[in-house]
Amino acid sequence: MSDWFCVIHGQRHGPKPLSELQDWAKQGILKPADLVWTEGMAGWVPAGTVQGQFVFGAASPAMPPSSAYPTTTTAYPSPHRGVTILVLGIVGIACCFIPGIIAWAMGESDLRDMKEGRMDPAGYSLTQAGRIFGIVSVVLAVASTLIGILLAITGHLASFYHFHAIHRWGY
């Protein structure tokens, strides 16, 4: 028996007796695409091309032709609205908070749909950014409203105090 060599997952094995490589082929360790060589061969060849030497186990079926692979992409029930949500979020910060509320609500809904596979996830980043801009616009609107109320109250209290101070103490 001659000594055989093989390369499996980039690692060279051998010298090995032919019977051991044949066992490896039956077990699915040696696959048809793995390279083999023995003395008398011109060079390394795929094991599946060596006539009559190897019977490959069920664990390593021959590769189907490339035409057997699907070439279509996954179709999602609805397209993403990431650009719309991003624009609404930016307008919410720049102008008024109402588009920000819409961006926040649409963003929450669309991100959930993307995670559940009902919407194209290609717009995930745009949707996330628009949702965040929407949240920021609402937070800024609430904060500015609270600050305005606080300033109005303190301004009213200051004028009330000043009015009574003038009448009571005369300044």
N, C-alpha and C. Protein backbone atom coordinates (compact mmCIF):
# COMPACT_ATOMS: atom_id res chain seq x y z
N MET A 1 0.85 -1.19 0.00
CA MET A 1 0.00 0.00 0.00
C MET A 1 0.88 1.24 0.00
N SER A 2 0.44 2.25 -0.75
CA SER A 2 1.20 3.49 -0.80
C SER A 2 0.69 4.45 0.28
N ASP A 3 1.52 5.40 0.61
CA ASP A 3 1.15 6.42 1.59
C ASP A 3 0.40 7.55 0.90
N TRP A 4 -0.65 8.02 1.58
CA TRP A 4 -1.49 9.10 1.06
C TRP A 4 -1.38 10.29 2.00
N PHE A 5 -1.59 11.45 1.42
CA PHE A 5 -1.62 12.69 2.18
C PHE A 5 -2.94 13.40 1.85
N CYS A 6 -3.46 14.17 2.80
CA CYS A 6 -4.67 14.95 2.54
C CYS A 6 -4.60 16.26 3.31
N VAL A 7 -5.43 17.19 2.85
CA VAL A 7 -5.55 18.49 3.52
C VAL A 7 -7.03 18.67 3.88
N ILE A 8 -7.31 18.72 5.19
CA ILE A 8 -8.68 18.89 5.69
C ILE A 8 -8.71 20.16 6.54
N HIS A 9 -9.58 21.09 6.19
CA HIS A 9 -9.71 22.38 6.91
C HIS A 9 -8.37 23.09 7.00
N GLY A 10 -7.57 22.99 5.93
CA GLY A 10 -6.30 23.70 5.88
C GLY A 10 -5.17 23.00 6.61
N GLN A 11 -5.42 21.84 7.21
CA GLN A 11 -4.37 21.14 7.94
C GLN A 11 -3.97 19.88 7.18
N ARG A 12 -2.68 19.68 7.01
CA ARG A 12 -2.15 18.54 6.26
C ARG A 12 -2.06 17.31 7.15
N HIS A 13 -2.49 16.18 6.60
CA HIS A 13 -2.43 14.89 7.31
C HIS A 13 -1.67 13.90 6.44
N GLY A 14 -0.90 13.06 7.06
CA GLY A 14 -0.18 12.02 6.33
C GLY A 14 1.28 11.97 6.71
N PRO A 15 1.91 10.93 6.29
CA PRO A 15 1.41 9.86 5.44
C PRO A 15 0.41 8.96 6.17
N LYS A 16 -0.60 8.52 5.43
CA LYS A 16 -1.65 7.65 5.94
C LYS A 16 -1.88 6.53 4.94
N PRO A 17 -2.27 5.37 5.42
CA PRO A 17 -2.64 4.32 4.46
C PRO A 17 -3.96 4.67 3.78
N LEU A 18 -4.16 4.21 2.57
CA LEU A 18 -5.38 4.48 1.82
C LEU A 18 -6.61 4.05 2.60
N SER A 19 -6.54 2.95 3.32
CA SER A 19 -7.69 2.45 4.06
C SER A 19 -8.16 3.45 5.13
N GLU A 20 -7.24 4.16 5.74
CA GLU A 20 -7.61 5.15 6.75
C GLU A 20 -8.34 6.33 6.12
N LEU A 21 -7.84 6.79 4.97
CA LEU A 21 -8.52 7.89 4.28
C LEU A 21 -9.89 7.44 3.77
N GLN A 22 -10.00 6.18 3.35
CA GLN A 22 -11.30 5.67 2.91
C GLN A 22 -12.29 5.65 4.08
N ASP A 23 -11.80 5.26 5.27
CA ASP A 23 -12.67 5.30 6.47
C ASP A 23 -13.08 6.74 6.78
N TRP A 24 -12.13 7.65 6.67
CA TRP A 24 -12.46 9.06 6.92
C TRP A 24 -13.53 9.55 5.95
N ALA A 25 -13.45 9.11 4.70
CA ALA A 25 -14.44 9.51 3.69
C ALA A 25 -15.81 8.96 4.06
N LYS A 26 -15.89 7.71 4.48
CA LYS A 26 -17.17 7.11 4.87
C LYS A 26 -17.77 7.81 6.09
N GLN A 27 -16.91 8.27 7.01
CA GLN A 27 -17.36 8.94 8.23
C GLN A 27 -17.70 10.42 7.99
N GLY A 28 -17.34 10.94 6.84
CA GLY A 28 -17.60 12.34 6.54
C GLY A 28 -16.50 13.27 6.98
N ILE A 29 -15.38 12.71 7.45
CA ILE A 29 -14.26 13.55 7.86
C ILE A 29 -13.55 14.10 6.62
N LEU A 30 -13.29 13.20 5.66
CA LEU A 30 -12.72 13.60 4.38
C LEU A 30 -13.87 13.85 3.43
N LYS A 31 -13.89 15.03 2.85
CA LYS A 31 -14.98 15.44 1.96
C LYS A 31 -14.50 15.45 0.52
N PRO A 32 -15.42 15.39 -0.45
CA PRO A 32 -15.02 15.36 -1.86
C PRO A 32 -14.14 16.54 -2.28
N ALA A 33 -14.29 17.69 -1.64
CA ALA A 33 -13.50 18.86 -2.03
C ALA A 33 -12.13 18.91 -1.36
N ASP A 34 -11.88 18.07 -0.36
CA ASP A 34 -10.59 18.06 0.32
C ASP A 34 -9.51 17.52 -0.62
N LEU A 35 -8.33 18.09 -0.56
CA LEU A 35 -7.24 17.70 -1.45
C LEU A 35 -6.52 16.45 -0.95
N VAL A 36 -6.14 15.58 -1.90
CA VAL A 36 -5.37 14.37 -1.57
C VAL A 36 -4.21 14.26 -2.55
N TRP A 37 -3.20 13.49 -2.15
CA TRP A 37 -2.05 13.25 -3.02
C TRP A 37 -1.38 11.95 -2.57
N THR A 38 -0.90 11.21 -3.53
CA THR A 38 -0.07 10.05 -3.28
C THR A 38 1.00 10.00 -4.37
N GLU A 39 2.01 9.20 -4.14
CA GLU A 39 3.10 9.09 -5.10
C GLU A 39 2.55 8.63 -6.45
N GLY A 40 3.02 9.25 -7.51
CA GLY A 40 2.57 8.93 -8.85
C GLY A 40 1.57 9.94 -9.39
N MET A 41 0.98 10.76 -8.52
CA MET A 41 0.06 11.80 -8.97
C MET A 41 0.86 13.03 -9.36
N ALA A 42 0.35 13.75 -10.35
CA ALA A 42 1.05 14.95 -10.81
C ALA A 42 0.97 16.07 -9.78
N GLY A 43 -0.09 16.11 -8.97
CA GLY A 43 -0.26 17.16 -7.97
C GLY A 43 -1.45 16.85 -7.08
N TRP A 44 -1.76 17.78 -6.20
CA TRP A 44 -2.89 17.63 -5.29
C TRP A 44 -4.19 17.74 -6.07
N VAL A 45 -5.17 16.86 -5.76
CA VAL A 45 -6.47 16.87 -6.44
C VAL A 45 -7.57 16.70 -5.40
N PRO A 46 -8.77 17.17 -5.71
CA PRO A 46 -9.89 16.94 -4.79
C PRO A 46 -10.18 15.44 -4.68
N ALA A 47 -10.45 14.99 -3.48
CA ALA A 47 -10.68 13.56 -3.22
C ALA A 47 -11.84 13.02 -4.06
N GLY A 48 -12.83 13.85 -4.33
CA GLY A 48 -13.98 13.41 -5.11
C GLY A 48 -13.66 13.13 -6.57
N THR A 49 -12.48 13.56 -7.04
CA THR A 49 -12.11 13.33 -8.44
C THR A 49 -11.25 12.08 -8.62
N VAL A 50 -10.84 11.45 -7.53
CA VAL A 50 -10.02 10.24 -7.61
C VAL A 50 -10.96 9.06 -7.85
N GLN A 51 -10.94 8.50 -9.05
CA GLN A 51 -11.88 7.46 -9.46
C GLN A 51 -11.71 6.17 -8.64
N GLY A 52 -12.82 5.71 -8.06
CA GLY A 52 -12.87 4.41 -7.42
C GLY A 52 -12.16 4.26 -6.09
N GLN A 53 -11.60 5.31 -5.54
CA GLN A 53 -10.85 5.17 -4.30
C GLN A 53 -11.66 5.52 -3.05
N PHE A 54 -12.58 6.48 -3.15
CA PHE A 54 -13.27 6.96 -1.97
C PHE A 54 -14.78 6.88 -2.15
N VAL A 55 -15.46 6.38 -1.11
CA VAL A 55 -16.92 6.38 -1.04
C VAL A 55 -17.26 7.33 0.10
N PHE A 56 -17.92 8.40 -0.23
CA PHE A 56 -18.19 9.43 0.77
C PHE A 56 -19.49 9.14 1.48
N GLY A 57 -19.45 9.31 2.80
CA GLY A 57 -20.63 9.06 3.64
C GLY A 57 -21.71 10.10 3.43
N ALA A 58 -22.87 9.84 4.04
CA ALA A 58 -24.02 10.74 3.91
C ALA A 58 -23.74 12.09 4.52
N ALA A 59 -22.76 12.17 5.41
CA ALA A 59 -22.46 13.43 6.07
C ALA A 59 -21.82 14.44 5.12
N SER A 60 -21.34 13.97 3.95
CA SER A 60 -20.69 14.89 3.03
C SER A 60 -21.21 14.71 1.62
N PRO A 61 -22.44 15.13 1.35
CA PRO A 61 -22.97 14.99 0.00
C PRO A 61 -22.23 15.92 -0.96
N ALA A 62 -22.30 15.56 -2.22
CA ALA A 62 -21.67 16.40 -3.23
C ALA A 62 -22.36 17.76 -3.26
N MET A 63 -21.62 18.77 -3.60
CA MET A 63 -22.16 20.12 -3.67
C MET A 63 -23.15 20.21 -4.81
N PRO A 64 -24.32 20.83 -4.57
CA PRO A 64 -25.25 21.01 -5.69
C PRO A 64 -24.71 22.07 -6.64
N PRO A 65 -25.16 22.06 -7.87
CA PRO A 65 -24.71 23.10 -8.79
C PRO A 65 -25.14 24.47 -8.30
N SER A 66 -24.39 25.49 -8.69
CA SER A 66 -24.68 26.84 -8.18
C SER A 66 -26.08 27.30 -8.57
N SER A 67 -26.63 26.73 -9.64
CA SER A 67 -27.98 27.13 -10.03
C SER A 67 -29.03 26.63 -9.04
N ALA A 68 -28.67 25.69 -8.17
CA ALA A 68 -29.63 25.17 -7.20
C ALA A 68 -29.81 26.10 -6.02
N TYR A 69 -28.90 27.05 -5.83
CA TYR A 69 -29.01 27.98 -4.71
C TYR A 69 -30.01 29.07 -5.04
N PRO A 70 -30.84 29.45 -4.06
CA PRO A 70 -31.80 30.51 -4.33
C PRO A 70 -31.08 31.84 -4.56
N THR A 71 -31.56 32.60 -5.50
CA THR A 71 -30.93 33.88 -5.80
C THR A 71 -31.82 35.06 -5.41
N THR A 72 -33.03 34.78 -4.95
CA THR A 72 -33.93 35.87 -4.57
C THR A 72 -33.64 36.30 -3.15
N THR A 73 -33.91 37.55 -2.88
CA THR A 73 -33.75 38.07 -1.53
C THR A 73 -35.08 37.94 -0.80
N THR A 74 -35.03 38.03 0.51
CA THR A 74 -36.24 37.92 1.31
C THR A 74 -37.12 39.13 1.07
N ALA A 75 -38.38 38.86 0.81
CA ALA A 75 -39.34 39.94 0.61
C ALA A 75 -40.04 40.22 1.93
N TYR A 76 -40.05 41.47 2.34
CA TYR A 76 -40.71 41.85 3.58
C TYR A 76 -42.09 42.41 3.26
N PRO A 77 -43.06 42.17 4.14
CA PRO A 77 -44.41 42.65 3.88
C PRO A 77 -44.50 44.16 3.67
N SER A 78 -43.66 44.93 4.35
CA SER A 78 -43.74 46.38 4.17
C SER A 78 -42.34 46.99 4.16
N PRO A 79 -42.15 48.05 3.37
CA PRO A 79 -40.85 48.71 3.32
C PRO A 79 -40.64 49.57 4.58
N HIS A 80 -39.38 49.87 4.87
CA HIS A 80 -39.10 50.71 6.04
C HIS A 80 -39.45 52.17 5.75
N ARG A 81 -39.66 52.93 6.83
CA ARG A 81 -39.97 54.37 6.71
C ARG A 81 -38.92 55.18 7.44
N GLY A 82 -37.69 54.70 7.42
CA GLY A 82 -36.61 55.32 8.17
C GLY A 82 -36.35 56.77 7.82
N VAL A 83 -36.36 57.10 6.54
CA VAL A 83 -36.09 58.49 6.12
C VAL A 83 -37.20 59.42 6.63
N THR A 84 -38.43 58.98 6.51
CA THR A 84 -39.57 59.79 6.97
C THR A 84 -39.47 60.05 8.47
N ILE A 85 -39.15 59.00 9.22
CA ILE A 85 -39.06 59.13 10.68
C ILE A 85 -37.89 60.04 11.06
N LEU A 86 -36.78 59.92 10.35
CA LEU A 86 -35.63 60.79 10.62
C LEU A 86 -35.97 62.25 10.35
N VAL A 87 -36.63 62.52 9.23
CA VAL A 87 -37.00 63.90 8.90
C VAL A 87 -37.97 64.45 9.95
N LEU A 88 -38.95 63.66 10.35
CA LEU A 88 -39.89 64.12 11.38
C LEU A 88 -39.17 64.43 12.69
N GLY A 89 -38.21 63.60 13.07
CA GLY A 89 -37.45 63.85 14.29
C GLY A 89 -36.64 65.12 14.22
N ILE A 90 -36.01 65.37 13.08
CA ILE A 90 -35.22 66.60 12.93
C ILE A 90 -36.12 67.84 12.92
N VAL A 91 -37.24 67.76 12.22
CA VAL A 91 -38.19 68.89 12.22
C VAL A 91 -38.73 69.11 13.63
N GLY A 92 -38.92 68.05 14.38
CA GLY A 92 -39.38 68.17 15.76
C GLY A 92 -38.41 68.96 16.62
N ILE A 93 -37.13 68.77 16.41
CA ILE A 93 -36.13 69.53 17.17
C ILE A 93 -36.05 70.96 16.65
N ALA A 94 -36.07 71.13 15.34
CA ALA A 94 -35.85 72.45 14.75
C ALA A 94 -37.05 73.38 14.87
N CYS A 95 -38.26 72.85 14.77
CA CYS A 95 -39.43 73.73 14.68
C CYS A 95 -40.36 73.60 15.89
N CYS A 96 -41.04 72.49 15.96
CA CYS A 96 -41.97 72.27 17.05
C CYS A 96 -42.00 70.79 17.40
N PHE A 97 -42.51 70.47 18.54
CA PHE A 97 -42.41 69.12 19.05
C PHE A 97 -43.43 68.13 18.48
N ILE A 98 -44.46 68.61 17.79
CA ILE A 98 -45.50 67.71 17.28
C ILE A 98 -44.93 66.68 16.29
N PRO A 99 -44.10 67.07 15.30
CA PRO A 99 -43.48 66.04 14.45
C PRO A 99 -42.58 65.11 15.26
N GLY A 100 -42.00 65.60 16.34
CA GLY A 100 -41.18 64.76 17.21
C GLY A 100 -42.00 63.67 17.87
N ILE A 101 -43.22 64.00 18.30
CA ILE A 101 -44.10 62.99 18.89
C ILE A 101 -44.43 61.92 17.84
N ILE A 102 -44.71 62.37 16.61
CA ILE A 102 -45.03 61.43 15.53
C ILE A 102 -43.82 60.53 15.23
N ALA A 103 -42.62 61.13 15.18
CA ALA A 103 -41.40 60.36 14.92
C ALA A 103 -41.16 59.33 16.01
N TRP A 104 -41.39 59.71 17.25
CA TRP A 104 -41.20 58.81 18.38
C TRP A 104 -42.16 57.63 18.26
N ALA A 105 -43.44 57.89 18.02
CA ALA A 105 -44.44 56.83 17.93
C ALA A 105 -44.19 55.92 16.72
N MET A 106 -43.93 56.54 15.56
CA MET A 106 -43.67 55.72 14.36
C MET A 106 -42.39 54.90 14.52
N GLY A 107 -41.38 55.50 15.13
CA GLY A 107 -40.11 54.79 15.34
C GLY A 107 -40.29 53.58 16.22
N GLU A 108 -41.02 53.73 17.33
CA GLU A 108 -41.28 52.59 18.22
C GLU A 108 -41.97 51.47 17.46
N SER A 109 -43.01 51.82 16.72
CA SER A 109 -43.79 50.83 15.98
C SER A 109 -42.95 50.13 14.91
N ASP A 110 -42.20 50.92 14.15
CA ASP A 110 -41.42 50.34 13.05
C ASP A 110 -40.27 49.48 13.56
N LEU A 111 -39.60 49.89 14.63
CA LEU A 111 -38.52 49.08 15.18
C LEU A 111 -39.05 47.74 15.68
N ARG A 112 -40.22 47.75 16.28
CA ARG A 112 -40.84 46.50 16.73
C ARG A 112 -41.15 45.60 15.52
N ASP A 113 -41.71 46.21 14.46
CA ASP A 113 -42.03 45.43 13.25
C ASP A 113 -40.77 44.87 12.60
N MET A 114 -39.68 45.63 12.61
CA MET A 114 -38.42 45.14 12.04
C MET A 114 -37.90 43.95 12.83
N LYS A 115 -37.97 44.04 14.15
CA LYS A 115 -37.47 42.95 14.99
C LYS A 115 -38.32 41.69 14.83
N GLU A 116 -39.59 41.85 14.51
CA GLU A 116 -40.49 40.71 14.35
C GLU A 116 -40.58 40.24 12.90
N GLY A 117 -39.82 40.86 11.99
CA GLY A 117 -39.76 40.42 10.60
C GLY A 117 -40.90 40.88 9.71
N ARG A 118 -41.67 41.84 10.16
CA ARG A 118 -42.79 42.34 9.36
C ARG A 118 -42.41 43.55 8.52
N MET A 119 -41.19 44.07 8.70
CA MET A 119 -40.76 45.26 7.97
C MET A 119 -39.29 45.11 7.59
N ASP A 120 -38.94 45.70 6.46
CA ASP A 120 -37.58 45.64 5.95
C ASP A 120 -36.61 46.25 6.98
N PRO A 121 -35.63 45.47 7.48
CA PRO A 121 -34.71 45.99 8.50
C PRO A 121 -33.60 46.87 7.95
N ALA A 122 -33.57 47.12 6.64
CA ALA A 122 -32.51 47.95 6.07
C ALA A 122 -32.54 49.37 6.62
N GLY A 123 -33.70 49.84 7.05
CA GLY A 123 -33.81 51.20 7.58
C GLY A 123 -33.73 51.29 9.09
N TYR A 124 -33.17 50.26 9.73
CA TYR A 124 -33.13 50.23 11.20
C TYR A 124 -32.40 51.44 11.77
N SER A 125 -31.22 51.76 11.23
CA SER A 125 -30.43 52.87 11.78
C SER A 125 -31.13 54.21 11.60
N LEU A 126 -31.71 54.44 10.42
CA LEU A 126 -32.43 55.69 10.18
C LEU A 126 -33.63 55.80 11.12
N THR A 127 -34.35 54.70 11.29
CA THR A 127 -35.52 54.70 12.17
C THR A 127 -35.11 54.97 13.61
N GLN A 128 -34.04 54.33 14.05
CA GLN A 128 -33.56 54.52 15.42
C GLN A 128 -33.14 55.98 15.63
N ALA A 129 -32.43 56.56 14.67
CA ALA A 129 -31.99 57.95 14.81
C ALA A 129 -33.19 58.90 14.84
N GLY A 130 -34.17 58.69 13.95
CA GLY A 130 -35.37 59.52 13.94
C GLY A 130 -36.16 59.42 15.23
N ARG A 131 -36.25 58.21 15.77
CA ARG A 131 -36.94 58.00 17.05
C ARG A 131 -36.23 58.77 18.16
N ILE A 132 -34.91 58.71 18.18
CA ILE A 132 -34.15 59.42 19.22
C ILE A 132 -34.33 60.93 19.07
N PHE A 133 -34.27 61.45 17.83
CA PHE A 133 -34.52 62.88 17.62
C PHE A 133 -35.92 63.26 18.09
N GLY A 134 -36.89 62.39 17.84
CA GLY A 134 -38.26 62.64 18.30
C GLY A 134 -38.34 62.73 19.81
N ILE A 135 -37.68 61.80 20.49
CA ILE A 135 -37.66 61.81 21.97
C ILE A 135 -37.00 63.10 22.47
N VAL A 136 -35.88 63.47 21.86
CA VAL A 136 -35.16 64.69 22.28
C VAL A 136 -36.05 65.92 22.07
N SER A 137 -36.78 65.97 20.95
CA SER A 137 -37.63 67.14 20.71
C SER A 137 -38.73 67.25 21.75
N VAL A 138 -39.31 66.12 22.14
CA VAL A 138 -40.37 66.13 23.16
C VAL A 138 -39.79 66.54 24.51
N VAL A 139 -38.64 65.99 24.86
CA VAL A 139 -38.00 66.34 26.14
C VAL A 139 -37.66 67.83 26.18
N LEU A 140 -37.13 68.36 25.08
CA LEU A 140 -36.82 69.79 25.03
C LEU A 140 -38.08 70.65 25.16
N ALA A 141 -39.17 70.22 24.51
CA ALA A 141 -40.43 70.97 24.59
C ALA A 141 -40.97 70.97 26.02
N VAL A 142 -40.94 69.81 26.66
CA VAL A 142 -41.44 69.72 28.04
C VAL A 142 -40.55 70.55 28.97
N ALA A 143 -39.23 70.44 28.81
CA ALA A 143 -38.32 71.20 29.66
C ALA A 143 -38.49 72.70 29.47
N SER A 144 -38.62 73.14 28.22
CA SER A 144 -38.78 74.58 27.99
C SER A 144 -40.13 75.07 28.52
N THR A 145 -41.16 74.24 28.43
CA THR A 145 -42.45 74.62 28.99
C THR A 145 -42.37 74.76 30.51
N LEU A 146 -41.71 73.79 31.15
CA LEU A 146 -41.56 73.85 32.61
C LEU A 146 -40.73 75.06 33.02
N ILE A 147 -39.67 75.34 32.29
CA ILE A 147 -38.85 76.52 32.61
C ILE A 147 -39.66 77.79 32.42
N GLY A 148 -40.46 77.87 31.36
CA GLY A 148 -41.31 79.04 31.14
C GLY A 148 -42.32 79.23 32.26
N ILE A 149 -42.94 78.14 32.70
CA ILE A 149 -43.88 78.23 33.82
C ILE A 149 -43.16 78.69 35.08
N LEU A 150 -41.99 78.12 35.32
CA LEU A 150 -41.22 78.50 36.51
C LEU A 150 -40.83 79.98 36.46
N LEU A 151 -40.39 80.44 35.29
CA LEU A 151 -40.04 81.86 35.16
C LEU A 151 -41.26 82.76 35.31
N ALA A 152 -42.39 82.32 34.79
CA ALA A 152 -43.61 83.11 34.94
C ALA A 152 -44.02 83.20 36.40
N ILE A 153 -43.92 82.11 37.11
CA ILE A 153 -44.29 82.11 38.54
C ILE A 153 -43.32 82.98 39.33
N THR A 154 -42.03 82.78 39.10
CA THR A 154 -41.05 83.58 39.85
C THR A 154 -41.14 85.06 39.47
N GLY A 155 -41.39 85.35 38.20
CA GLY A 155 -41.56 86.75 37.79
C GLY A 155 -42.79 87.36 38.42
N HIS A 156 -43.86 86.59 38.48
CA HIS A 156 -45.08 87.08 39.12
C HIS A 156 -44.85 87.28 40.62
N LEU A 157 -44.16 86.33 41.25
CA LEU A 157 -43.87 86.48 42.67
C LEU A 157 -42.96 87.66 42.94
N ALA A 158 -42.00 87.87 42.05
CA ALA A 158 -41.09 89.00 42.24
C ALA A 158 -41.84 90.32 42.11
N SER A 159 -42.72 90.42 41.12
CA SER A 159 -43.47 91.67 40.97
C SER A 159 -44.46 91.84 42.12
N PHE A 160 -45.04 90.75 42.58
CA PHE A 160 -45.95 90.82 43.73
C PHE A 160 -45.19 91.30 44.96
N TYR A 161 -44.00 90.74 45.20
CA TYR A 161 -43.19 91.14 46.33
C TYR A 161 -42.78 92.60 46.19
N HIS A 162 -42.35 93.01 45.01
CA HIS A 162 -41.93 94.38 44.78
C HIS A 162 -43.10 95.35 44.99
N PHE A 163 -44.30 95.01 44.50
CA PHE A 163 -45.48 95.84 44.67
C PHE A 163 -45.79 96.04 46.16
N HIS A 164 -45.81 94.95 46.92
CA HIS A 164 -46.12 95.05 48.35
C HIS A 164 -45.01 95.72 49.13
N ALA A 165 -43.78 95.54 48.70
CA ALA A 165 -42.67 96.19 49.40
C ALA A 165 -42.75 97.70 49.23
N ILE A 166 -43.16 98.14 48.05
CA ILE A 166 -43.27 99.58 47.79
C ILE A 166 -44.39 100.16 48.67
N HIS A 167 -45.51 99.49 48.71
CA HIS A 167 -46.64 100.01 49.48
C HIS A 167 -46.41 99.89 50.98
N ARG A 168 -45.73 98.88 51.39
CA ARG A 168 -45.55 98.70 52.82
C ARG A 168 -44.39 99.53 53.33
N TRP A 169 -43.27 99.48 52.67
CA TRP A 169 -42.10 100.16 53.19
C TRP A 169 -41.75 101.42 52.43
N GLY A 170 -42.39 101.61 51.36
CA GLY A 170 -42.21 102.85 50.66
C GLY A 170 -41.05 102.90 49.70
N TYR A 171 -40.47 101.83 49.31
CA TYR A 171 -39.45 101.92 48.26
C TYR A 171 -39.96 101.37 47.03
